[in-house]
């Protein structure tokens, strides 16, 4: 799995590869930058399910921004282990983050953008 910063770069690769949105980040005082992962080595036994799981992953990220925590955790349970386990570390981090948000709901200024650096 490779990480891609920026939508334009991700779109250029999406014709040849499976590209999944991860987080949107800011680095220091930068504008928000979407981060994607590129799945290069897809296990053959997962190919027939890839489009459905790609859709579920997109729904996960949409529901994350909409604070639908229960949907997100259910989606993660289905997604973990797919993509040849290449995205599992992201799903685990996101699950931990969401569990914390369920305990203490973020305030109204929350946008889902993650500050880095």
PDB file of N, CA and C in Angstrom:
ATOM      1  N   UNK A   1       0.847  -1.176   0.000  1.00  0.00           N
ATOM      2  CA  UNK A   1       0.000   0.000   0.000  1.00  0.00           C
ATOM      3  C   UNK A   1       0.891   1.238   0.000  1.00  0.00           C
ATOM      4  N   UNK A   2       0.540   2.193  -0.824  1.00  0.00           N
ATOM      5  CA  UNK A   2       1.228   3.475  -0.875  1.00  0.00           C
ATOM      6  C   UNK A   2       0.261   4.565  -0.447  1.00  0.00           C
ATOM      7  N   UNK A   3       0.809   5.620   0.136  1.00  0.00           N
ATOM      8  CA  UNK A   3       0.010   6.761   0.575  1.00  0.00           C
ATOM      9  C   UNK A   3       0.155   7.873  -0.458  1.00  0.00           C
ATOM     10  N   UNK A   4      -0.970   8.513  -0.772  1.00  0.00           N
ATOM     11  CA  UNK A   4      -1.016   9.586  -1.764  1.00  0.00           C
ATOM     12  C   UNK A   4      -1.603  10.819  -1.081  1.00  0.00           C
ATOM     13  N   UNK A   5      -0.960  11.956  -1.249  1.00  0.00           N
ATOM     14  CA  UNK A   5      -1.462  13.219  -0.725  1.00  0.00           C
ATOM     15  C   UNK A   5      -2.049  14.014  -1.880  1.00  0.00           C
ATOM     16  N   UNK A   6      -3.322  14.368  -1.771  1.00  0.00           N
ATOM     17  CA  UNK A   6      -3.957  15.217  -2.764  1.00  0.00           C
ATOM     18  C   UNK A   6      -4.900  14.477  -3.686  1.00  0.00           C
ATOM     19  N   UNK A   7      -6.011  15.118  -3.962  1.00  0.00           N
ATOM     20  CA  UNK A   7      -7.068  14.527  -4.782  1.00  0.00           C
ATOM     21  C   UNK A   7      -6.645  14.349  -6.229  1.00  0.00           C
ATOM     22  N   UNK A   8      -5.972  15.338  -6.795  1.00  0.00           N
ATOM     23  CA  UNK A   8      -5.576  15.245  -8.203  1.00  0.00           C
ATOM     24  C   UNK A   8      -4.687  14.028  -8.440  1.00  0.00           C
ATOM     25  N   UNK A   9      -3.734  13.824  -7.551  1.00  0.00           N
ATOM     26  CA  UNK A   9      -2.834  12.696  -7.674  1.00  0.00           C
ATOM     27  C   UNK A   9      -3.592  11.373  -7.556  1.00  0.00           C
ATOM     28  N   UNK A  10      -4.537  11.320  -6.627  1.00  0.00           N
ATOM     29  CA  UNK A  10      -5.330  10.101  -6.436  1.00  0.00           C
ATOM     30  C   UNK A  10      -6.183   9.811  -7.663  1.00  0.00           C
ATOM     31  N   UNK A  11      -6.790  10.840  -8.229  1.00  0.00           N
ATOM     32  CA  UNK A  11      -7.633  10.644  -9.418  1.00  0.00           C
ATOM     33  C   UNK A  11      -6.826  10.141 -10.604  1.00  0.00           C
ATOM     34  N   UNK A  12      -5.606  10.610 -10.734  1.00  0.00           N
ATOM     35  CA  UNK A  12      -4.760  10.176 -11.846  1.00  0.00           C
ATOM     36  C   UNK A  12      -4.455   8.680 -11.768  1.00  0.00           C
ATOM     37  N   UNK A  13      -4.387   8.142 -10.569  1.00  0.00           N
ATOM     38  CA  UNK A  13      -4.045   6.739 -10.379  1.00  0.00           C
ATOM     39  C   UNK A  13      -5.261   5.818 -10.300  1.00  0.00           C
ATOM     40  N   UNK A  14      -6.434   6.398 -10.127  1.00  0.00           N
ATOM     41  CA  UNK A  14      -7.629   5.581  -9.878  1.00  0.00           C
ATOM     42  C   UNK A  14      -8.090   4.781 -11.097  1.00  0.00           C
ATOM     43  N   UNK A  15      -7.601   5.104 -12.276  1.00  0.00           N
ATOM     44  CA  UNK A  15      -7.942   4.305 -13.456  1.00  0.00           C
ATOM     45  C   UNK A  15      -7.214   2.963 -13.468  1.00  0.00           C
ATOM     46  N   UNK A  16      -6.037   2.926 -12.859  1.00  0.00           N
ATOM     47  CA  UNK A  16      -5.218   1.715 -12.886  1.00  0.00           C
ATOM     48  C   UNK A  16      -5.225   0.950 -11.568  1.00  0.00           C
ATOM     49  N   UNK A  17      -5.548   1.630 -10.462  1.00  0.00           N
ATOM     50  CA  UNK A  17      -5.440   1.039  -9.140  1.00  0.00           C
ATOM     51  C   UNK A  17      -6.697   1.316  -8.322  1.00  0.00           C
ATOM     52  N   UNK A  18      -6.842   0.566  -7.249  1.00  0.00           N
ATOM     53  CA  UNK A  18      -7.877   0.874  -6.271  1.00  0.00           C
ATOM     54  C   UNK A  18      -7.300   1.950  -5.353  1.00  0.00           C
ATOM     55  N   UNK A  19      -8.010   3.058  -5.257  1.00  0.00           N
ATOM     56  CA  UNK A  19      -7.588   4.182  -4.431  1.00  0.00           C
ATOM     57  C   UNK A  19      -8.690   4.429  -3.403  1.00  0.00           C
ATOM     58  N   UNK A  20      -8.308   4.458  -2.127  1.00  0.00           N
ATOM     59  CA  UNK A  20      -9.262   4.648  -1.037  1.00  0.00           C
ATOM     60  C   UNK A  20      -8.919   5.909  -0.252  1.00  0.00           C
ATOM     61  N   UNK A  21      -9.930   6.692   0.042  1.00  0.00           N
ATOM     62  CA  UNK A  21      -9.736   7.876   0.881  1.00  0.00           C
ATOM     63  C   UNK A  21      -9.425   7.431   2.303  1.00  0.00           C
ATOM     64  N   UNK A  22      -8.471   8.097   2.925  1.00  0.00           N
ATOM     65  CA  UNK A  22      -8.196   7.856   4.342  1.00  0.00           C
ATOM     66  C   UNK A  22      -8.652   9.094   5.110  1.00  0.00           C
ATOM     67  N   UNK A  23      -7.752   9.874   5.592  1.00  0.00           N
ATOM     68  CA  UNK A  23      -8.087  11.071   6.350  1.00  0.00           C
ATOM     69  C   UNK A  23      -7.836  12.315   5.513  1.00  0.00           C
ATOM     70  N   UNK A  24      -8.274  13.437   6.064  1.00  0.00           N
ATOM     71  CA  UNK A  24      -7.861  14.747   5.571  1.00  0.00           C
ATOM     72  C   UNK A  24      -7.028  15.348   6.686  1.00  0.00           C
ATOM     73  N   UNK A  25      -5.863  15.865   6.332  1.00  0.00           N
ATOM     74  CA  UNK A  25      -4.933  16.370   7.342  1.00  0.00           C
ATOM     75  C   UNK A  25      -4.514  17.802   7.032  1.00  0.00           C
ATOM     76  N   UNK A  26      -4.053  18.469   8.074  1.00  0.00           N
ATOM     77  CA  UNK A  26      -3.341  19.733   7.909  1.00  0.00           C
ATOM     78  C   UNK A  26      -1.949  19.517   8.484  1.00  0.00           C
ATOM     79  N   UNK A  27      -0.961  20.048   7.809  1.00  0.00           N
ATOM     80  CA  UNK A  27       0.413  19.955   8.279  1.00  0.00           C
ATOM     81  C   UNK A  27       0.863  21.366   8.610  1.00  0.00           C
ATOM     82  N   UNK A  28       1.090  21.582   9.895  1.00  0.00           N
ATOM     83  CA  UNK A  28       1.354  22.907  10.436  1.00  0.00           C
ATOM     84  C   UNK A  28       0.193  23.830  10.080  1.00  0.00           C
ATOM     85  N   UNK A  29       0.423  24.862   9.304  1.00  0.00           N
ATOM     86  CA  UNK A  29      -0.639  25.819   8.963  1.00  0.00           C
ATOM     87  C   UNK A  29      -1.155  25.634   7.540  1.00  0.00           C
ATOM     88  N   UNK A  30      -0.949  24.450   6.968  1.00  0.00           N
ATOM     89  CA  UNK A  30      -1.346  24.229   5.575  1.00  0.00           C
ATOM     90  C   UNK A  30      -2.859  24.117   5.434  1.00  0.00           C
ATOM     91  N   UNK A  31      -3.307  24.248   4.216  1.00  0.00           N
ATOM     92  CA  UNK A  31      -4.712  23.977   3.913  1.00  0.00           C
ATOM     93  C   UNK A  31      -4.940  22.470   4.075  1.00  0.00           C
ATOM     94  N   UNK A  32      -6.178  22.057   4.336  1.00  0.00           N
ATOM     95  CA  UNK A  32      -6.451  20.619   4.462  1.00  0.00           C
ATOM     96  C   UNK A  32      -6.082  19.865   3.180  1.00  0.00           C
ATOM     97  N   UNK A  33      -5.453  18.714   3.373  1.00  0.00           N
ATOM     98  CA  UNK A  33      -5.020  17.875   2.258  1.00  0.00           C
ATOM     99  C   UNK A  33      -5.620  16.483   2.433  1.00  0.00           C
ATOM    100  N   UNK A  34      -6.409  16.013   1.463  1.00  0.00           N
ATOM    101  CA  UNK A  34      -6.924  14.652   1.549  1.00  0.00           C
ATOM    102  C   UNK A  34      -5.786  13.640   1.353  1.00  0.00           C
ATOM    103  N   UNK A  35      -5.873  12.562   2.122  1.00  0.00           N
ATOM    104  CA  UNK A  35      -4.873  11.497   2.055  1.00  0.00           C
ATOM    105  C   UNK A  35      -5.571  10.227   1.589  1.00  0.00           C
ATOM    106  N   UNK A  36      -4.949   9.535   0.675  1.00  0.00           N
ATOM    107  CA  UNK A  36      -5.506   8.320   0.090  1.00  0.00           C
ATOM    108  C   UNK A  36      -4.481   7.201   0.204  1.00  0.00           C
ATOM    109  N   UNK A  37      -4.967   5.982   0.070  1.00  0.00           N
ATOM    110  CA  UNK A  37      -4.054   4.857  -0.063  1.00  0.00           C
ATOM    111  C   UNK A  37      -4.309   4.188  -1.400  1.00  0.00           C
ATOM    112  N   UNK A  38      -3.256   3.648  -1.945  1.00  0.00           N
ATOM    113  CA  UNK A  38      -3.304   2.975  -3.230  1.00  0.00           C
ATOM    114  C   UNK A  38      -3.073   1.487  -2.969  1.00  0.00           C
ATOM    115  N   UNK A  39      -4.044   0.676  -3.344  1.00  0.00           N
ATOM    116  CA  UNK A  39      -3.927  -0.767  -3.182  1.00  0.00           C
ATOM    117  C   UNK A  39      -3.309  -1.323  -4.462  1.00  0.00           C
ATOM    118  N   UNK A  40      -2.115  -1.832  -4.349  1.00  0.00           N
ATOM    119  CA  UNK A  40      -1.417  -2.355  -5.528  1.00  0.00           C
ATOM    120  C   UNK A  40      -1.551  -3.865  -5.656  1.00  0.00           C
ATOM    121  N   UNK A  41      -1.433  -4.567  -4.566  1.00  0.00           N
ATOM    122  CA  UNK A  41      -1.417  -6.024  -4.598  1.00  0.00           C
ATOM    123  C   UNK A  41      -2.686  -6.575  -3.973  1.00  0.00           C
ATOM    124  N   UNK A  42      -3.687  -6.719  -4.788  1.00  0.00           N
ATOM    125  CA  UNK A  42      -4.988  -7.212  -4.336  1.00  0.00           C
ATOM    126  C   UNK A  42      -4.995  -8.744  -4.386  1.00  0.00           C
ATOM    127  N   UNK A  43      -5.328  -9.392  -3.275  1.00  0.00           N
ATOM    128  CA  UNK A  43      -5.429 -10.854  -3.312  1.00  0.00           C
ATOM    129  C   UNK A  43      -6.479 -11.302  -4.325  1.00  0.00           C
ATOM    130  N   UNK A  44      -6.169 -12.320  -5.081  1.00  0.00           N
ATOM    131  CA  UNK A  44      -7.068 -12.792  -6.140  1.00  0.00           C
ATOM    132  C   UNK A  44      -8.442 -13.177  -5.611  1.00  0.00           C
ATOM    133  N   UNK A  45      -8.498 -13.775  -4.420  1.00  0.00           N
ATOM    134  CA  UNK A  45      -9.794 -14.200  -3.889  1.00  0.00           C
ATOM    135  C   UNK A  45     -10.668 -13.032  -3.442  1.00  0.00           C
ATOM    136  N   UNK A  46     -10.132 -11.813  -3.424  1.00  0.00           N
ATOM    137  CA  UNK A  46     -10.904 -10.630  -3.041  1.00  0.00           C
ATOM    138  C   UNK A  46     -11.369  -9.809  -4.241  1.00  0.00           C
ATOM    139  N   UNK A  47     -10.844 -10.098  -5.406  1.00  0.00           N
ATOM    140  CA  UNK A  47     -11.145  -9.275  -6.589  1.00  0.00           C
ATOM    141  C   UNK A  47     -12.640  -9.164  -6.878  1.00  0.00           C
ATOM    142  N   UNK A  48     -13.371 -10.251  -6.761  1.00  0.00           N
ATOM    143  CA  UNK A  48     -14.795 -10.220  -7.097  1.00  0.00           C
ATOM    144  C   UNK A  48     -15.610  -9.359  -6.123  1.00  0.00           C
ATOM    145  N   UNK A  49     -15.083  -9.109  -4.938  1.00  0.00           N
ATOM    146  CA  UNK A  49     -15.796  -8.319  -3.928  1.00  0.00           C
ATOM    147  C   UNK A  49     -15.269  -6.889  -3.831  1.00  0.00           C
ATOM    148  N   UNK A  50     -14.255  -6.567  -4.597  1.00  0.00           N
ATOM    149  CA  UNK A  50     -13.559  -5.287  -4.435  1.00  0.00           C
ATOM    150  C   UNK A  50     -14.470  -4.082  -4.607  1.00  0.00           C
ATOM    151  N   UNK A  51     -15.331  -4.081  -5.618  1.00  0.00           N
ATOM    152  CA  UNK A  51     -16.199  -2.910  -5.845  1.00  0.00           C
ATOM    153  C   UNK A  51     -17.154  -2.695  -4.675  1.00  0.00           C
ATOM    154  N   UNK A  52     -17.717  -3.767  -4.135  1.00  0.00           N
ATOM    155  CA  UNK A  52     -18.623  -3.634  -2.983  1.00  0.00           C
ATOM    156  C   UNK A  52     -17.882  -3.117  -1.757  1.00  0.00           C
ATOM    157  N   UNK A  53     -16.662  -3.599  -1.538  1.00  0.00           N
ATOM    158  CA  UNK A  53     -15.893  -3.149  -0.385  1.00  0.00           C
ATOM    159  C   UNK A  53     -15.376  -1.726  -0.584  1.00  0.00           C
ATOM    160  N   UNK A  54     -15.087  -1.363  -1.823  1.00  0.00           N
ATOM    161  CA  UNK A  54     -14.697   0.015  -2.119  1.00  0.00           C
ATOM    162  C   UNK A  54     -15.856   0.964  -1.796  1.00  0.00           C
ATOM    163  N   UNK A  55     -17.063   0.561  -2.154  1.00  0.00           N
ATOM    164  CA  UNK A  55     -18.252   1.362  -1.850  1.00  0.00           C
ATOM    165  C   UNK A  55     -18.464   1.460  -0.338  1.00  0.00           C
ATOM    166  N   UNK A  56     -18.302   0.333   0.371  1.00  0.00           N
ATOM    167  CA  UNK A  56     -18.459   0.348   1.827  1.00  0.00           C
ATOM    168  C   UNK A  56     -17.420   1.254   2.468  1.00  0.00           C
ATOM    169  N   UNK A  57     -16.202   1.226   1.978  1.00  0.00           N
ATOM    170  CA  UNK A  57     -15.155   2.105   2.510  1.00  0.00           C
ATOM    171  C   UNK A  57     -15.538   3.576   2.301  1.00  0.00           C
ATOM    172  N   UNK A  58     -16.042   3.915   1.123  1.00  0.00           N
ATOM    173  CA  UNK A  58     -16.481   5.296   0.851  1.00  0.00           C
ATOM    174  C   UNK A  58     -17.622   5.693   1.784  1.00  0.00           C
ATOM    175  N   UNK A  59     -18.546   4.787   2.025  1.00  0.00           N
ATOM    176  CA  UNK A  59     -19.651   5.061   2.952  1.00  0.00           C
ATOM    177  C   UNK A  59     -19.136   5.232   4.374  1.00  0.00           C
ATOM    178  N   UNK A  60     -18.128   4.464   4.747  1.00  0.00           N
ATOM    179  CA  UNK A  60     -17.489   4.622   6.058  1.00  0.00           C
ATOM    180  C   UNK A  60     -16.977   6.043   6.217  1.00  0.00           C
ATOM    181  N   UNK A  61     -16.240   6.540   5.232  1.00  0.00           N
ATOM    182  CA  UNK A  61     -15.656   7.865   5.351  1.00  0.00           C
ATOM    183  C   UNK A  61     -16.728   8.955   5.348  1.00  0.00           C
ATOM    184  N   UNK A  62     -17.772   8.780   4.564  1.00  0.00           N
ATOM    185  CA  UNK A  62     -18.878   9.745   4.562  1.00  0.00           C
ATOM    186  C   UNK A  62     -19.579   9.768   5.918  1.00  0.00           C
ATOM    187  N   UNK A  63     -19.843   8.600   6.463  1.00  0.00           N
ATOM    188  CA  UNK A  63     -20.511   8.522   7.764  1.00  0.00           C
ATOM    189  C   UNK A  63     -19.613   9.006   8.894  1.00  0.00           C
ATOM    190  N   UNK A  64     -18.313   8.856   8.745  1.00  0.00           N
ATOM    191  CA  UNK A  64     -17.374   9.393   9.728  1.00  0.00           C
ATOM    192  C   UNK A  64     -17.516  10.909   9.796  1.00  0.00           C
ATOM    193  N   UNK A  65     -17.512  11.559   8.652  1.00  0.00           N
ATOM    194  CA  UNK A  65     -17.663  13.025   8.636  1.00  0.00           C
ATOM    195  C   UNK A  65     -19.028  13.458   9.162  1.00  0.00           C
ATOM    196  N   UNK A  66     -20.032  12.590   9.014  1.00  0.00           N
ATOM    197  CA  UNK A  66     -21.381  12.896   9.503  1.00  0.00           C
ATOM    198  C   UNK A  66     -21.624  12.429  10.937  1.00  0.00           C
ATOM    199  N   UNK A  67     -20.559  11.926  11.583  1.00  0.00           N
ATOM    200  CA  UNK A  67     -20.626  11.506  12.993  1.00  0.00           C
ATOM    201  C   UNK A  67     -21.567  10.329  13.232  1.00  0.00           C
ATOM    202  N   UNK A  68     -21.736   9.495  12.265  1.00  0.00           N
ATOM    203  CA  UNK A  68     -22.561   8.295  12.435  1.00  0.00           C
ATOM    204  C   UNK A  68     -21.639   7.175  12.922  1.00  0.00           C
ATOM    205  N   UNK A  69     -21.283   7.260  14.202  1.00  0.00           N
ATOM    206  CA  UNK A  69     -20.256   6.393  14.779  1.00  0.00           C
ATOM    207  C   UNK A  69     -20.623   4.914  14.714  1.00  0.00           C
ATOM    208  N   UNK A  70     -21.873   4.575  14.989  1.00  0.00           N
ATOM    209  CA  UNK A  70     -22.272   3.157  14.984  1.00  0.00           C
ATOM    210  C   UNK A  70     -22.116   2.546  13.596  1.00  0.00           C
ATOM    211  N   UNK A  71     -22.546   3.269  12.562  1.00  0.00           N
ATOM    212  CA  UNK A  71     -22.353   2.773  11.195  1.00  0.00           C
ATOM    213  C   UNK A  71     -20.868   2.548  10.935  1.00  0.00           C
ATOM    214  N   UNK A  72     -20.047   3.504  11.330  1.00  0.00           N
ATOM    215  CA  UNK A  72     -18.606   3.415  11.085  1.00  0.00           C
ATOM    216  C   UNK A  72     -18.004   2.168  11.722  1.00  0.00           C
ATOM    217  N   UNK A  73     -18.348   1.920  12.971  1.00  0.00           N
ATOM    218  CA  UNK A  73     -17.785   0.750  13.650  1.00  0.00           C
ATOM    219  C   UNK A  73     -18.247  -0.551  13.001  1.00  0.00           C
ATOM    220  N   UNK A  74     -19.497  -0.599  12.561  1.00  0.00           N
ATOM    221  CA  UNK A  74     -19.986  -1.795  11.859  1.00  0.00           C
ATOM    222  C   UNK A  74     -19.264  -1.966  10.528  1.00  0.00           C
ATOM    223  N   UNK A  75     -19.079  -0.877   9.807  1.00  0.00           N
ATOM    224  CA  UNK A  75     -18.378  -0.947   8.518  1.00  0.00           C
ATOM    225  C   UNK A  75     -16.941  -1.420   8.718  1.00  0.00           C
ATOM    226  N   UNK A  76     -16.270  -0.888   9.730  1.00  0.00           N
ATOM    227  CA  UNK A  76     -14.894  -1.295  10.012  1.00  0.00           C
ATOM    228  C   UNK A  76     -14.830  -2.792  10.293  1.00  0.00           C
ATOM    229  N   UNK A  77     -15.804  -3.306  11.029  1.00  0.00           N
ATOM    230  CA  UNK A  77     -15.825  -4.750  11.312  1.00  0.00           C
ATOM    231  C   UNK A  77     -15.898  -5.571  10.030  1.00  0.00           C
ATOM    232  N   UNK A  78     -16.582  -5.069   9.016  1.00  0.00           N
ATOM    233  CA  UNK A  78     -16.665  -5.775   7.734  1.00  0.00           C
ATOM    234  C   UNK A  78     -15.404  -5.585   6.895  1.00  0.00           C
ATOM    235  N   UNK A  79     -14.799  -4.400   6.995  1.00  0.00           N
ATOM    236  CA  UNK A  79     -13.668  -4.062   6.143  1.00  0.00           C
ATOM    237  C   UNK A  79     -12.337  -4.619   6.647  1.00  0.00           C
ATOM    238  N   UNK A  80     -12.208  -4.755   7.948  1.00  0.00           N
ATOM    239  CA  UNK A  80     -10.924  -5.204   8.489  1.00  0.00           C
ATOM    240  C   UNK A  80     -10.634  -6.614   7.982  1.00  0.00           C
ATOM    241  N   UNK A  81      -9.427  -6.804   7.522  1.00  0.00           N
ATOM    242  CA  UNK A  81      -9.044  -8.087   6.950  1.00  0.00           C
ATOM    243  C   UNK A  81      -9.147  -8.120   5.437  1.00  0.00           C
ATOM    244  N   UNK A  82      -9.884  -7.164   4.858  1.00  0.00           N
ATOM    245  CA  UNK A  82      -9.985  -7.095   3.403  1.00  0.00           C
ATOM    246  C   UNK A  82      -8.789  -6.303   2.875  1.00  0.00           C
ATOM    247  N   UNK A  83      -8.690  -6.141   1.599  1.00  0.00           N
ATOM    248  CA  UNK A  83      -7.581  -5.448   0.937  1.00  0.00           C
ATOM    249  C   UNK A  83      -6.243  -6.110   1.271  1.00  0.00           C
ATOM    250  N   UNK A  84      -6.257  -7.410   1.502  1.00  0.00           N
ATOM    251  CA  UNK A  84      -5.026  -8.109   1.846  1.00  0.00           C
ATOM    252  C   UNK A  84      -4.420  -7.604   3.143  1.00  0.00           C
ATOM    253  N   UNK A  85      -5.276  -7.135   4.041  1.00  0.00           N
ATOM    254  CA  UNK A  85      -4.891  -6.575   5.349  1.00  0.00           C
ATOM    255  C   UNK A  85      -4.087  -5.277   5.232  1.00  0.00           C
ATOM    256  N   UNK A  86      -3.985  -4.716   4.051  1.00  0.00           N
ATOM    257  CA  UNK A  86      -3.149  -3.533   3.852  1.00  0.00           C
ATOM    258  C   UNK A  86      -3.693  -2.277   4.527  1.00  0.00           C
ATOM    259  N   UNK A  87      -4.994  -2.236   4.787  1.00  0.00           N
ATOM    260  CA  UNK A  87      -5.604  -1.028   5.343  1.00  0.00           C
ATOM    261  C   UNK A  87      -5.991  -1.231   6.810  1.00  0.00           C
ATOM    262  N   UNK A  88      -5.691  -2.394   7.341  1.00  0.00           N
ATOM    263  CA  UNK A  88      -6.115  -2.720   8.709  1.00  0.00           C
ATOM    264  C   UNK A  88      -5.597  -1.738   9.754  1.00  0.00           C
ATOM    265  N   UNK A  89      -4.363  -1.284   9.629  1.00  0.00           N
ATOM    266  CA  UNK A  89      -3.836  -0.354  10.634  1.00  0.00           C
ATOM    267  C   UNK A  89      -4.643   0.942  10.629  1.00  0.00           C
ATOM    268  N   UNK A  90      -5.067   1.406   9.455  1.00  0.00           N
ATOM    269  CA  UNK A  90      -5.920   2.593   9.390  1.00  0.00           C
ATOM    270  C   UNK A  90      -7.264   2.318  10.064  1.00  0.00           C
ATOM    271  N   UNK A  91      -7.867   1.168   9.744  1.00  0.00           N
ATOM    272  CA  UNK A  91      -9.156   0.827  10.349  1.00  0.00           C
ATOM    273  C   UNK A  91      -9.049   0.735  11.869  1.00  0.00           C
ATOM    274  N   UNK A  92      -7.950   0.204  12.375  1.00  0.00           N
ATOM    275  CA  UNK A  92      -7.769   0.092  13.825  1.00  0.00           C
ATOM    276  C   UNK A  92      -7.644   1.465  14.470  1.00  0.00           C
ATOM    277  N   UNK A  93      -6.872   2.353  13.858  1.00  0.00           N
ATOM    278  CA  UNK A  93      -6.727   3.719  14.380  1.00  0.00           C
ATOM    279  C   UNK A  93      -8.066   4.442  14.334  1.00  0.00           C
ATOM    280  N   UNK A  94      -8.778   4.309  13.220  1.00  0.00           N
ATOM    281  CA  UNK A  94     -10.079   4.972  13.081  1.00  0.00           C
ATOM    282  C   UNK A  94     -11.075   4.428  14.096  1.00  0.00           C
ATOM    283  N   UNK A  95     -11.069   3.127  14.325  1.00  0.00           N
ATOM    284  CA  UNK A  95     -11.964   2.524  15.306  1.00  0.00           C
ATOM    285  C   UNK A  95     -11.683   3.065  16.705  1.00  0.00           C
ATOM    286  N   UNK A  96     -10.418   3.174  17.062  1.00  0.00           N
ATOM    287  CA  UNK A  96     -10.043   3.728  18.372  1.00  0.00           C
ATOM    288  C   UNK A  96     -10.501   5.177  18.489  1.00  0.00           C
ATOM    289  N   UNK A  97     -10.284   5.948  17.433  1.00  0.00           N
ATOM    290  CA  UNK A  97     -10.699   7.350  17.414  1.00  0.00           C
ATOM    291  C   UNK A  97     -12.208   7.466  17.594  1.00  0.00           C
ATOM    292  N   UNK A  98     -12.962   6.644  16.857  1.00  0.00           N
ATOM    293  CA  UNK A  98     -14.424   6.692  16.914  1.00  0.00           C
ATOM    294  C   UNK A  98     -14.929   6.271  18.289  1.00  0.00           C
ATOM    295  N   UNK A  99     -14.311   5.265  18.868  1.00  0.00           N
ATOM    296  CA  UNK A  99     -14.711   4.834  20.221  1.00  0.00           C
ATOM    297  C   UNK A  99     -14.552   5.986  21.204  1.00  0.00           C
ATOM    298  N   UNK A 100     -13.476   6.745  21.058  1.00  0.00           N
ATOM    299  CA  UNK A 100     -13.288   7.926  21.901  1.00  0.00           C
ATOM    300  C   UNK A 100     -14.346   8.985  21.644  1.00  0.00           C
ATOM    301  N   UNK A 101     -14.728   9.173  20.379  1.00  0.00           N
ATOM    302  CA  UNK A 101     -15.760  10.151  20.041  1.00  0.00           C
ATOM    303  C   UNK A 101     -17.122   9.729  20.582  1.00  0.00           C
ATOM    304  N   UNK A 102     -17.358   8.427  20.640  1.00  0.00           N
ATOM    305  CA  UNK A 102     -18.626   7.957  21.206  1.00  0.00           C
ATOM    306  C   UNK A 102     -18.687   8.259  22.699  1.00  0.00           C
ATOM    307  N   UNK A 103     -17.548   8.173  23.371  1.00  0.00           N
ATOM    308  CA  UNK A 103     -17.492   8.461  24.807  1.00  0.00           C
ATOM    309  C   UNK A 103     -17.587   9.960  25.075  1.00  0.00           C
ATOM    310  N   UNK A 104     -16.875  10.743  24.277  1.00  0.00           N
ATOM    311  CA  UNK A 104     -16.879  12.199  24.411  1.00  0.00           C
ATOM    312  C   UNK A 104     -17.078  12.783  23.020  1.00  0.00           C
ATOM    313  N   UNK A 105     -18.296  13.160  22.722  1.00  0.00           N
ATOM    314  CA  UNK A 105     -18.642  13.693  21.397  1.00  0.00           C
ATOM    315  C   UNK A 105     -17.831  14.954  21.116  1.00  0.00           C
ATOM    316  N   UNK A 106     -17.220  15.047  19.936  1.00  0.00           N
ATOM    317  CA  UNK A 106     -16.483  16.265  19.592  1.00  0.00           C
ATOM    318  C   UNK A 106     -17.424  17.475  19.548  1.00  0.00           C
ATOM    319  N   UNK A 107     -16.862  18.644  19.801  1.00  0.00           N
ATOM    320  CA  UNK A 107     -17.702  19.843  19.788  1.00  0.00           C
ATOM    321  C   UNK A 107     -18.125  20.188  18.369  1.00  0.00           C
ATOM    322  N   UNK A 108     -18.920  21.218  18.241  1.00  0.00           N
ATOM    323  CA  UNK A 108     -19.501  21.593  16.948  1.00  0.00           C
ATOM    324  C   UNK A 108     -18.472  22.044  15.924  1.00  0.00           C
ATOM    325  N   UNK A 109     -17.284  22.441  16.376  1.00  0.00           N
ATOM    326  CA  UNK A 109     -16.258  22.890  15.439  1.00  0.00           C
ATOM    327  C   UNK A 109     -15.525  21.715  14.772  1.00  0.00           C
ATOM    328  N   UNK A 110     -15.802  20.495  15.198  1.00  0.00           N
ATOM    329  CA  UNK A 110     -15.127  19.310  14.655  1.00  0.00           C
ATOM    330  C   UNK A 110     -15.467  19.133  13.184  1.00  0.00           C
ATOM    331  N   UNK A 111     -14.424  18.925  12.380  1.00  0.00           N
ATOM    332  CA  UNK A 111     -14.617  18.726  10.947  1.00  0.00           C
ATOM    333  C   UNK A 111     -14.103  17.377  10.475  1.00  0.00           C
ATOM    334  N   UNK A 112     -13.433  16.659  11.353  1.00  0.00           N
ATOM    335  CA  UNK A 112     -12.829  15.396  10.969  1.00  0.00           C
ATOM    336  C   UNK A 112     -11.434  15.555  10.416  1.00  0.00           C
ATOM    337  N   UNK A 113     -10.974  16.783  10.256  1.00  0.00           N
ATOM    338  CA  UNK A 113      -9.620  17.041   9.744  1.00  0.00           C
ATOM    339  C   UNK A 113      -8.630  16.829  10.879  1.00  0.00           C
ATOM    340  N   UNK A 114      -7.571  16.093  10.568  1.00  0.00           N
ATOM    341  CA  UNK A 114      -6.574  15.729  11.576  1.00  0.00           C
ATOM    342  C   UNK A 114      -5.346  16.631  11.437  1.00  0.00           C
ATOM    343  N   UNK A 115      -5.002  17.379  12.500  1.00  0.00           N
ATOM    344  CA  UNK A 115      -3.777  18.185  12.436  1.00  0.00           C
ATOM    345  C   UNK A 115      -2.544  17.290  12.622  1.00  0.00           C
ATOM    346  N   UNK A 116      -1.541  17.468  11.782  1.00  0.00           N
ATOM    347  CA  UNK A 116      -0.280  16.732  11.875  1.00  0.00           C
ATOM    348  C   UNK A 116       0.855  17.734  11.925  1.00  0.00           C
ATOM    349  N   UNK A 117       1.840  17.421  12.705  1.00  0.00           N
ATOM    350  CA  UNK A 117       3.065  18.241  12.743  1.00  0.00           C
ATOM    351  C   UNK A 117       2.920  19.557  13.304  1.00  0.00           C
TER     352      UNK A 117
END
